[in-house]
Amino acid sequence: MAFTINNLKDNSNVIIKEQLGGFTVIEYKEDLSSTSMMEAQFNYFMSRSNMRNKQLMIELNNSEVVLSAGAMQYMVGNIEMTSGVKGVGGLMRNIMSSAVTGTTAIRPQYKGTGTILLETTYKYLWLIDVDNDHIVIDDGMFLACESSLELSVSARKNLSSAALGGEGLFNLSARGKGILALEAPIPSEEAVVVELNNDVLKVDGNFALMWSNTLDFTVEKSGKTKLGSAASGEGLVNVYRGTGMVWLAPLMSYKNSIFTPNA
């Protein structure tokens, strides 16, 4: 490569949080660009509360990745960008997919050799090595992946009651082998992973972030009868049945109750 990116990885204000293949998560310790007292106080408390800007860097070596639309901040090198849409039929399928999963209709592909930097975010970046697996992702979490992964739409079995369970009717899924980057509401250290072996997990709320496609995902009454469900105070629950894994964000319901107005 005929380029060098200075003052990034070698910057004393930058931490390399995680690296997997050509994907690197960098974190800025502080925002040093304060121009007012109010902004300085804001940046100080954000940093001390672990609310730090993060950025995904992807290094391509004659390889190809898929990004969420609008995620790219800048790129350098011999990289070609395409829309990732094959004809009008492909565009219509993407539009329908985006409408039901909450993702963008266009997911551009970047191919070649060079470096891509994505937009900074205060959310948490997860890097997942999908190894011949099929993972379903909660709405809005997809950020980037290697093009070897197949992105598709996964539908819930009992669509009539799905919306009442607090989750979407459809979700984006990634299948195959490759690296997947997600923009999550919690750090990976806070996620609880439940492994099921021909068993059942019932979740009261929409704080499942990912789950194996091998699981049957339905919405059911928490009790065997309507009266039993009403007496338990739970009502409908999201049910994951079979063999596979579910990633839970147990503090999400707590955070939503505090930070959502009139909760």
C-alpha atoms as a PDB file:
ATOM      1  CA  MET A   1       0.000   0.000   0.000  1.00  0.00           C
ATOM      2  CA  ALA A   2       1.206   3.490  -0.860  1.00  0.00           C
ATOM      3  CA  PHE A   3      -0.460   5.335   2.007  1.00  0.00           C
ATOM      4  CA  THR A   4       0.068   5.775   5.752  1.00  0.00           C
ATOM      5  CA  ILE A   5      -2.560   6.871   8.265  1.00  0.00           C
ATOM      6  CA  ASN A   6      -0.817   8.860  10.970  1.00  0.00           C
ATOM      7  CA  ASN A   7      -2.090   9.894  14.396  1.00  0.00           C
ATOM      8  CA  LEU A   8      -4.727   7.179  14.576  1.00  0.00           C
ATOM      9  CA  LYS A   9      -3.527   3.888  16.042  1.00  0.00           C
ATOM     10  CA  ASP A  10      -0.399   5.671  17.317  1.00  0.00           C
ATOM     11  CA  ASN A  11      -2.435   8.425  19.011  1.00  0.00           C
ATOM     12  CA  SER A  12      -2.089   8.441  22.829  1.00  0.00           C
ATOM     13  CA  ASN A  13      -5.798   9.349  23.069  1.00  0.00           C
ATOM     14  CA  VAL A  14      -6.821   6.185  21.190  1.00  0.00           C
ATOM     15  CA  ILE A  15      -7.330   2.711  22.640  1.00  0.00           C
ATOM     16  CA  ILE A  16      -7.499  -0.423  20.497  1.00  0.00           C
ATOM     17  CA  LYS A  17     -10.470  -2.134  22.133  1.00  0.00           C
ATOM     18  CA  GLU A  18     -10.722  -5.214  19.954  1.00  0.00           C
ATOM     19  CA  GLN A  19      -9.359  -6.654  16.736  1.00  0.00           C
ATOM     20  CA  LEU A  20     -10.693  -9.530  14.647  1.00  0.00           C
ATOM     21  CA  GLY A  21      -9.302 -10.181  11.189  1.00  0.00           C
ATOM     22  CA  GLY A  22      -9.298  -6.875   9.318  1.00  0.00           C
ATOM     23  CA  PHE A  23     -11.824  -5.318  11.737  1.00  0.00           C
ATOM     24  CA  THR A  24     -10.547  -3.067  14.547  1.00  0.00           C
ATOM     25  CA  VAL A  25     -12.582  -1.240  17.196  1.00  0.00           C
ATOM     26  CA  ILE A  26     -10.881   1.947  18.340  1.00  0.00           C
ATOM     27  CA  GLU A  27     -12.025   4.082  21.252  1.00  0.00           C
ATOM     28  CA  TYR A  28     -11.206   7.721  21.974  1.00  0.00           C
ATOM     29  CA  LYS A  29     -10.378   8.290  25.651  1.00  0.00           C
ATOM     30  CA  GLU A  30     -11.603  11.868  25.576  1.00  0.00           C
ATOM     31  CA  ASP A  31     -13.018  14.415  23.170  1.00  0.00           C
ATOM     32  CA  LEU A  32     -10.171  16.951  23.097  1.00  0.00           C
ATOM     33  CA  SER A  33     -11.934  19.442  20.843  1.00  0.00           C
ATOM     34  CA  SER A  34     -13.913  21.370  23.467  1.00  0.00           C
ATOM     35  CA  THR A  35     -14.448  25.014  22.546  1.00  0.00           C
ATOM     36  CA  SER A  36     -16.577  26.150  25.499  1.00  0.00           C
ATOM     37  CA  MET A  37     -16.879  25.519  29.250  1.00  0.00           C
ATOM     38  CA  MET A  38     -20.202  23.743  28.806  1.00  0.00           C
ATOM     39  CA  GLU A  39     -18.804  21.497  26.092  1.00  0.00           C
ATOM     40  CA  ALA A  40     -15.717  20.760  28.216  1.00  0.00           C
ATOM     41  CA  GLN A  41     -17.895  19.720  31.181  1.00  0.00           C
ATOM     42  CA  PHE A  42     -20.018  17.541  28.918  1.00  0.00           C
ATOM     43  CA  ASN A  43     -16.962  15.800  27.435  1.00  0.00           C
ATOM     44  CA  TYR A  44     -15.403  15.318  30.873  1.00  0.00           C
ATOM     45  CA  PHE A  45     -18.431  13.594  32.378  1.00  0.00           C
ATOM     46  CA  MET A  46     -19.052  11.536  29.239  1.00  0.00           C
ATOM     47  CA  SER A  47     -15.507  10.202  29.419  1.00  0.00           C
ATOM     48  CA  ARG A  48     -15.664   9.472  33.154  1.00  0.00           C
ATOM     49  CA  SER A  49     -18.944   7.586  32.770  1.00  0.00           C
ATOM     50  CA  ASN A  50     -17.452   5.374  30.034  1.00  0.00           C
ATOM     51  CA  MET A  51     -19.478   7.163  27.352  1.00  0.00           C
ATOM     52  CA  ARG A  52     -16.690   7.413  24.820  1.00  0.00           C
ATOM     53  CA  ASN A  53     -16.672   7.797  21.068  1.00  0.00           C
ATOM     54  CA  LYS A  54     -15.875   4.563  19.243  1.00  0.00           C
ATOM     55  CA  GLN A  55     -15.021   3.883  15.639  1.00  0.00           C
ATOM     56  CA  LEU A  56     -14.772   0.806  13.470  1.00  0.00           C
ATOM     57  CA  MET A  57     -11.767   0.538  11.172  1.00  0.00           C
ATOM     58  CA  ILE A  58     -11.786  -2.075   8.404  1.00  0.00           C
ATOM     59  CA  GLU A  59      -8.595  -2.979   6.548  1.00  0.00           C
ATOM     60  CA  LEU A  60      -9.174  -4.666   3.199  1.00  0.00           C
ATOM     61  CA  ASN A  61      -6.603  -6.862   1.493  1.00  0.00           C
ATOM     62  CA  ASN A  62      -8.110  -7.740  -1.873  1.00  0.00           C
ATOM     63  CA  SER A  63     -11.302  -8.487   0.034  1.00  0.00           C
ATOM     64  CA  GLU A  64     -14.879  -7.260   0.287  1.00  0.00           C
ATOM     65  CA  VAL A  65     -17.214  -6.023   3.024  1.00  0.00           C
ATOM     66  CA  VAL A  66     -20.814  -4.863   3.297  1.00  0.00           C
ATOM     67  CA  LEU A  67     -21.689  -1.728   5.311  1.00  0.00           C
ATOM     68  CA  SER A  68     -24.860  -0.185   6.615  1.00  0.00           C
ATOM     69  CA  ALA A  69     -25.821   2.737   4.375  1.00  0.00           C
ATOM     70  CA  GLY A  70     -24.223   6.018   5.436  1.00  0.00           C
ATOM     71  CA  ALA A  71     -21.814   4.326   7.858  1.00  0.00           C
ATOM     72  CA  MET A  72     -18.600   5.177   5.964  1.00  0.00           C
ATOM     73  CA  GLN A  73     -16.698   8.264   7.167  1.00  0.00           C
ATOM     74  CA  TYR A  74     -13.664   8.035   4.863  1.00  0.00           C
ATOM     75  CA  MET A  75     -11.638   5.465   2.987  1.00  0.00           C
ATOM     76  CA  VAL A  76      -8.181   5.395   1.498  1.00  0.00           C
ATOM     77  CA  GLY A  77      -6.627   3.033  -1.009  1.00  0.00           C
ATOM     78  CA  ASN A  78      -7.739   1.139  -4.082  1.00  0.00           C
ATOM     79  CA  ILE A  79     -11.314   0.477  -2.980  1.00  0.00           C
ATOM     80  CA  GLU A  80     -14.362   0.291  -5.239  1.00  0.00           C
ATOM     81  CA  MET A  81     -17.829   0.938  -3.848  1.00  0.00           C
ATOM     82  CA  THR A  82     -21.013  -0.513  -5.350  1.00  0.00           C
ATOM     83  CA  SER A  83     -24.639  -0.326  -4.212  1.00  0.00           C
ATOM     84  CA  GLY A  84     -24.848  -4.056  -3.571  1.00  0.00           C
ATOM     85  CA  VAL A  85     -28.141  -4.151  -5.498  1.00  0.00           C
ATOM     86  CA  LYS A  86     -28.543  -6.390  -8.531  1.00  0.00           C
ATOM     87  CA  GLY A  87     -31.175  -4.851 -10.767  1.00  0.00           C
ATOM     88  CA  VAL A  88     -34.661  -3.528 -10.059  1.00  0.00           C
ATOM     89  CA  GLY A  89     -35.741  -6.852  -8.561  1.00  0.00           C
ATOM     90  CA  GLY A  90     -32.906  -6.738  -6.072  1.00  0.00           C
ATOM     91  CA  LEU A  91     -33.787  -3.166  -5.110  1.00  0.00           C
ATOM     92  CA  MET A  92     -37.427  -4.098  -4.494  1.00  0.00           C
ATOM     93  CA  ARG A  93     -36.391  -7.059  -2.332  1.00  0.00           C
ATOM     94  CA  ASN A  94     -34.076  -4.782  -0.348  1.00  0.00           C
ATOM     95  CA  ILE A  95     -36.811  -2.174   0.110  1.00  0.00           C
ATOM     96  CA  MET A  96     -39.231  -4.822   1.374  1.00  0.00           C
ATOM     97  CA  SER A  97     -36.520  -6.207   3.656  1.00  0.00           C
ATOM     98  CA  SER A  98     -35.714  -2.772   5.053  1.00  0.00           C
ATOM     99  CA  ALA A  99     -39.388  -2.025   5.682  1.00  0.00           C
ATOM    100  CA  VAL A 100     -39.848  -5.075   7.897  1.00  0.00           C
ATOM    101  CA  THR A 101     -36.462  -5.187   9.639  1.00  0.00           C
ATOM    102  CA  GLY A 102     -35.815  -1.494  10.280  1.00  0.00           C
ATOM    103  CA  THR A 103     -32.563  -1.567   8.273  1.00  0.00           C
ATOM    104  CA  THR A 104     -31.595   0.481   5.231  1.00  0.00           C
ATOM    105  CA  ALA A 105     -32.659  -0.648   1.749  1.00  0.00           C
ATOM    106  CA  ILE A 106     -29.153  -0.104   0.326  1.00  0.00           C
ATOM    107  CA  ARG A 107     -26.188  -1.834   1.960  1.00  0.00           C
ATOM    108  CA  PRO A 108     -23.152  -0.756  -0.105  1.00  0.00           C
ATOM    109  CA  GLN A 109     -20.280  -3.140  -0.801  1.00  0.00           C
ATOM    110  CA  TYR A 110     -16.631  -2.086  -0.673  1.00  0.00           C
ATOM    111  CA  LYS A 111     -14.068  -4.191  -2.527  1.00  0.00           C
ATOM    112  CA  GLY A 112     -10.300  -3.882  -2.974  1.00  0.00           C
ATOM    113  CA  THR A 113      -7.270  -3.049  -0.856  1.00  0.00           C
ATOM    114  CA  GLY A 114      -7.170  -0.177   1.600  1.00  0.00           C
ATOM    115  CA  THR A 115      -8.661   1.117   4.838  1.00  0.00           C
ATOM    116  CA  ILE A 116     -12.215   2.210   5.677  1.00  0.00           C
ATOM    117  CA  LEU A 117     -13.143   4.255   8.744  1.00  0.00           C
ATOM    118  CA  LEU A 118     -16.785   4.290   9.795  1.00  0.00           C
ATOM    119  CA  GLU A 119     -18.650   7.116  11.537  1.00  0.00           C
ATOM    120  CA  THR A 120     -17.991   7.471  15.270  1.00  0.00           C
ATOM    121  CA  THR A 121     -20.649   6.366  17.752  1.00  0.00           C
ATOM    122  CA  TYR A 122     -21.305   6.415  21.482  1.00  0.00           C
ATOM    123  CA  LYS A 123     -22.891   2.969  21.215  1.00  0.00           C
ATOM    124  CA  TYR A 124     -20.861  -0.207  21.720  1.00  0.00           C
ATOM    125  CA  LEU A 125     -19.215  -2.079  18.842  1.00  0.00           C
ATOM    126  CA  TRP A 126     -19.253  -5.862  18.854  1.00  0.00           C
ATOM    127  CA  LEU A 127     -17.122  -8.048  16.600  1.00  0.00           C
ATOM    128  CA  ILE A 128     -18.463 -11.572  16.099  1.00  0.00           C
ATOM    129  CA  ASP A 129     -16.779 -14.445  14.305  1.00  0.00           C
ATOM    130  CA  VAL A 130     -19.694 -16.243  12.660  1.00  0.00           C
ATOM    131  CA  ASP A 131     -18.426 -19.769  12.056  1.00  0.00           C
ATOM    132  CA  ASN A 132     -20.815 -21.646   9.772  1.00  0.00           C
ATOM    133  CA  ASP A 133     -23.710 -20.412  11.865  1.00  0.00           C
ATOM    134  CA  HIS A 134     -26.963 -18.518  11.354  1.00  0.00           C
ATOM    135  CA  ILE A 135     -27.579 -15.599  13.747  1.00  0.00           C
ATOM    136  CA  VAL A 136     -30.694 -13.434  13.973  1.00  0.00           C
ATOM    137  CA  ILE A 137     -30.026  -9.789  14.921  1.00  0.00           C
ATOM    138  CA  ASP A 138     -32.262  -7.311  16.714  1.00  0.00           C
ATOM    139  CA  ASP A 139     -33.478  -4.320  14.677  1.00  0.00           C
ATOM    140  CA  GLY A 140     -30.959  -1.586  13.868  1.00  0.00           C
ATOM    141  CA  MET A 141     -27.833  -3.331  15.188  1.00  0.00           C
ATOM    142  CA  PHE A 142     -26.192  -4.280  11.874  1.00  0.00           C
ATOM    143  CA  LEU A 143     -23.124  -2.178  11.050  1.00  0.00           C
ATOM    144  CA  ALA A 144     -20.834  -4.172   8.747  1.00  0.00           C
ATOM    145  CA  CYS A 145     -19.771  -7.673   7.759  1.00  0.00           C
ATOM    146  CA  GLU A 146     -17.546  -9.588   5.405  1.00  0.00           C
ATOM    147  CA  SER A 147     -19.314 -10.279   2.113  1.00  0.00           C
ATOM    148  CA  SER A 148     -18.915 -14.018   2.712  1.00  0.00           C
ATOM    149  CA  LEU A 149     -21.881 -13.733   5.097  1.00  0.00           C
ATOM    150  CA  GLU A 150     -25.362 -13.950   3.592  1.00  0.00           C
ATOM    151  CA  LEU A 151     -27.779 -11.334   4.924  1.00  0.00           C
ATOM    152  CA  SER A 152     -31.462 -12.242   4.808  1.00  0.00           C
ATOM    153  CA  VAL A 153     -34.780 -11.739   6.586  1.00  0.00           C
ATOM    154  CA  SER A 154     -35.922 -14.088   9.338  1.00  0.00           C
ATOM    155  CA  ALA A 155     -39.646 -14.173  10.176  1.00  0.00           C
ATOM    156  CA  ARG A 156     -41.264 -15.159  13.430  1.00  0.00           C
ATOM    157  CA  LYS A 157     -43.561 -18.190  13.335  1.00  0.00           C
ATOM    158  CA  ASN A 158     -46.686 -16.738  14.939  1.00  0.00           C
ATOM    159  CA  LEU A 159     -46.800 -13.317  13.293  1.00  0.00           C
ATOM    160  CA  SER A 160     -50.266 -12.512  14.655  1.00  0.00           C
ATOM    161  CA  SER A 161     -48.966 -12.040  18.214  1.00  0.00           C
ATOM    162  CA  ALA A 162     -45.353 -11.061  17.516  1.00  0.00           C
ATOM    163  CA  ALA A 163     -45.863  -7.295  17.676  1.00  0.00           C
ATOM    164  CA  LEU A 164     -47.464  -7.628  21.102  1.00  0.00           C
ATOM    165  CA  GLY A 165     -44.261  -9.167  22.435  1.00  0.00           C
ATOM    166  CA  GLY A 166     -42.289  -5.959  21.924  1.00  0.00           C
ATOM    167  CA  GLU A 167     -40.091  -7.360  19.135  1.00  0.00           C
ATOM    168  CA  GLY A 168     -40.361  -6.887  15.386  1.00  0.00           C
ATOM    169  CA  LEU A 169     -42.222  -9.285  13.125  1.00  0.00           C
ATOM    170  CA  PHE A 170     -39.086  -9.784  11.043  1.00  0.00           C
ATOM    171  CA  ASN A 171     -35.373  -9.518  11.794  1.00  0.00           C
ATOM    172  CA  LEU A 172     -32.158  -9.365   9.802  1.00  0.00           C
ATOM    173  CA  SER A 173     -30.049 -12.505   9.955  1.00  0.00           C
ATOM    174  CA  ALA A 174     -26.446 -13.329   9.014  1.00  0.00           C
ATOM    175  CA  ARG A 175     -25.561 -16.788   7.769  1.00  0.00           C
ATOM    176  CA  GLY A 176     -22.320 -18.500   6.826  1.00  0.00           C
ATOM    177  CA  LYS A 177     -18.723 -17.827   7.794  1.00  0.00           C
ATOM    178  CA  GLY A 178     -17.194 -14.394   8.337  1.00  0.00           C
ATOM    179  CA  ILE A 179     -16.829 -11.419  10.650  1.00  0.00           C
ATOM    180  CA  LEU A 180     -19.928  -9.492  11.715  1.00  0.00           C
ATOM    181  CA  ALA A 181     -19.799  -6.024  13.317  1.00  0.00           C
ATOM    182  CA  LEU A 182     -22.765  -4.806  15.351  1.00  0.00           C
ATOM    183  CA  GLU A 183     -23.661  -1.475  16.971  1.00  0.00           C
ATOM    184  CA  ALA A 184     -25.147  -2.506  20.320  1.00  0.00           C
ATOM    185  CA  PRO A 185     -26.818  -0.587  23.169  1.00  0.00           C
ATOM    186  CA  ILE A 186     -24.630  -2.301  25.800  1.00  0.00           C
ATOM    187  CA  PRO A 187     -20.987  -3.428  26.052  1.00  0.00           C
ATOM    188  CA  SER A 188     -20.422  -7.103  25.289  1.00  0.00           C
ATOM    189  CA  GLU A 189     -19.243  -7.617  28.884  1.00  0.00           C
ATOM    190  CA  GLU A 190     -22.776  -6.845  30.059  1.00  0.00           C
ATOM    191  CA  ALA A 191     -24.504  -9.366  27.778  1.00  0.00           C
ATOM    192  CA  VAL A 192     -25.783 -12.630  29.258  1.00  0.00           C
ATOM    193  CA  VAL A 193     -25.629 -15.605  26.901  1.00  0.00           C
ATOM    194  CA  VAL A 194     -28.124 -18.400  27.490  1.00  0.00           C
ATOM    195  CA  GLU A 195     -27.311 -21.727  25.818  1.00  0.00           C
ATOM    196  CA  LEU A 196     -30.321 -23.948  25.245  1.00  0.00           C
ATOM    197  CA  ASN A 197     -30.126 -27.673  24.587  1.00  0.00           C
ATOM    198  CA  ASN A 198     -33.613 -28.722  23.573  1.00  0.00           C
ATOM    199  CA  ASP A 199     -35.037 -26.393  26.207  1.00  0.00           C
ATOM    200  CA  VAL A 200     -37.109 -23.212  26.537  1.00  0.00           C
ATOM    201  CA  LEU A 201     -36.278 -19.585  27.412  1.00  0.00           C
ATOM    202  CA  LYS A 202     -39.088 -17.110  28.154  1.00  0.00           C
ATOM    203  CA  VAL A 203     -38.243 -13.401  28.147  1.00  0.00           C
ATOM    204  CA  ASP A 204     -40.583 -10.719  29.488  1.00  0.00           C
ATOM    205  CA  GLY A 205     -39.548  -7.775  27.314  1.00  0.00           C
ATOM    206  CA  ASN A 206     -37.583  -6.928  24.185  1.00  0.00           C
ATOM    207  CA  PHE A 207     -34.036  -7.185  25.502  1.00  0.00           C
ATOM    208  CA  ALA A 208     -32.831 -10.140  23.435  1.00  0.00           C
ATOM    209  CA  LEU A 209     -30.147  -8.743  21.116  1.00  0.00           C
ATOM    210  CA  MET A 210     -29.296 -11.875  19.095  1.00  0.00           C
ATOM    211  CA  TRP A 211     -30.357 -15.489  18.903  1.00  0.00           C
ATOM    212  CA  SER A 212     -29.617 -18.616  16.897  1.00  0.00           C
ATOM    213  CA  ASN A 213     -31.846 -19.154  13.885  1.00  0.00           C
ATOM    214  CA  THR A 214     -32.172 -22.796  14.963  1.00  0.00           C
ATOM    215  CA  LEU A 215     -34.488 -21.654  17.771  1.00  0.00           C
ATOM    216  CA  ASP A 216     -38.242 -21.427  17.318  1.00  0.00           C
ATOM    217  CA  PHE A 217     -39.089 -17.816  18.225  1.00  0.00           C
ATOM    218  CA  THR A 218     -42.713 -17.179  19.221  1.00  0.00           C
ATOM    219  CA  VAL A 219     -44.829 -14.975  21.466  1.00  0.00           C
ATOM    220  CA  GLU A 220     -46.963 -16.795  24.005  1.00  0.00           C
ATOM    221  CA  LYS A 221     -49.027 -16.197  27.113  1.00  0.00           C
ATOM    222  CA  SER A 222     -46.914 -16.447  30.257  1.00  0.00           C
ATOM    223  CA  GLY A 223     -49.498 -18.723  31.865  1.00  0.00           C
ATOM    224  CA  LYS A 224     -51.447 -21.663  30.523  1.00  0.00           C
ATOM    225  CA  THR A 225     -54.682 -19.673  30.675  1.00  0.00           C
ATOM    226  CA  LYS A 226     -55.662 -16.042  30.160  1.00  0.00           C
ATOM    227  CA  LEU A 227     -56.567 -15.836  33.836  1.00  0.00           C
ATOM    228  CA  GLY A 228     -53.195 -17.285  34.829  1.00  0.00           C
ATOM    229  CA  SER A 229     -51.335 -14.797  32.622  1.00  0.00           C
ATOM    230  CA  ALA A 230     -53.295 -11.890  34.079  1.00  0.00           C
ATOM    231  CA  ALA A 231     -52.685 -13.069  37.642  1.00  0.00           C
ATOM    232  CA  SER A 232     -48.919 -13.354  37.074  1.00  0.00           C
ATOM    233  CA  GLY A 233     -48.778  -9.748  35.875  1.00  0.00           C
ATOM    234  CA  GLU A 234     -46.620 -10.787  32.906  1.00  0.00           C
ATOM    235  CA  GLY A 235     -49.079 -11.273  30.005  1.00  0.00           C
ATOM    236  CA  LEU A 236     -47.210 -12.160  26.806  1.00  0.00           C
ATOM    237  CA  VAL A 237     -43.589 -13.290  26.743  1.00  0.00           C
ATOM    238  CA  ASN A 238     -41.051 -13.894  23.988  1.00  0.00           C
ATOM    239  CA  VAL A 239     -40.285 -17.607  23.823  1.00  0.00           C
ATOM    240  CA  TYR A 240     -37.126 -19.202  22.388  1.00  0.00           C
ATOM    241  CA  ARG A 241     -37.494 -22.969  22.077  1.00  0.00           C
ATOM    242  CA  GLY A 242     -35.039 -25.632  20.914  1.00  0.00           C
ATOM    243  CA  THR A 243     -31.253 -25.775  20.720  1.00  0.00           C
ATOM    244  CA  GLY A 244     -29.159 -22.639  20.297  1.00  0.00           C
ATOM    245  CA  MET A 245     -28.040 -19.448  22.051  1.00  0.00           C
ATOM    246  CA  VAL A 246     -29.703 -16.170  23.033  1.00  0.00           C
ATOM    247  CA  TRP A 247     -27.787 -12.973  23.921  1.00  0.00           C
ATOM    248  CA  LEU A 248     -29.655 -10.929  26.532  1.00  0.00           C
ATOM    249  CA  ALA A 249     -29.248  -7.340  27.729  1.00  0.00           C
ATOM    250  CA  PRO A 250     -30.748  -7.683  31.228  1.00  0.00           C
ATOM    251  CA  LEU A 251     -30.219  -4.038  32.190  1.00  0.00           C
ATOM    252  CA  MET A 252     -32.081  -2.678  29.161  1.00  0.00           C
ATOM    253  CA  SER A 253     -35.516  -2.789  30.818  1.00  0.00           C
ATOM    254  CA  TYR A 254     -34.079  -1.040  33.880  1.00  0.00           C
ATOM    255  CA  LYS A 255     -32.457   1.674  31.765  1.00  0.00           C
ATOM    256  CA  ASN A 256     -35.577   2.180  29.665  1.00  0.00           C
ATOM    257  CA  SER A 257     -37.719   2.644  32.782  1.00  0.00           C
ATOM    258  CA  ILE A 258     -35.362   5.341  34.097  1.00  0.00           C
ATOM    259  CA  PHE A 259     -34.473   7.245  30.941  1.00  0.00           C
ATOM    260  CA  THR A 260     -37.758   7.028  29.044  1.00  0.00           C
ATOM    261  CA  PRO A 261     -40.090   9.990  29.854  1.00  0.00           C
ATOM    262  CA  ASN A 262     -43.307   9.035  31.662  1.00  0.00           C
ATOM    263  CA  ALA A 263     -42.132   5.412  31.884  1.00  0.00           C
END
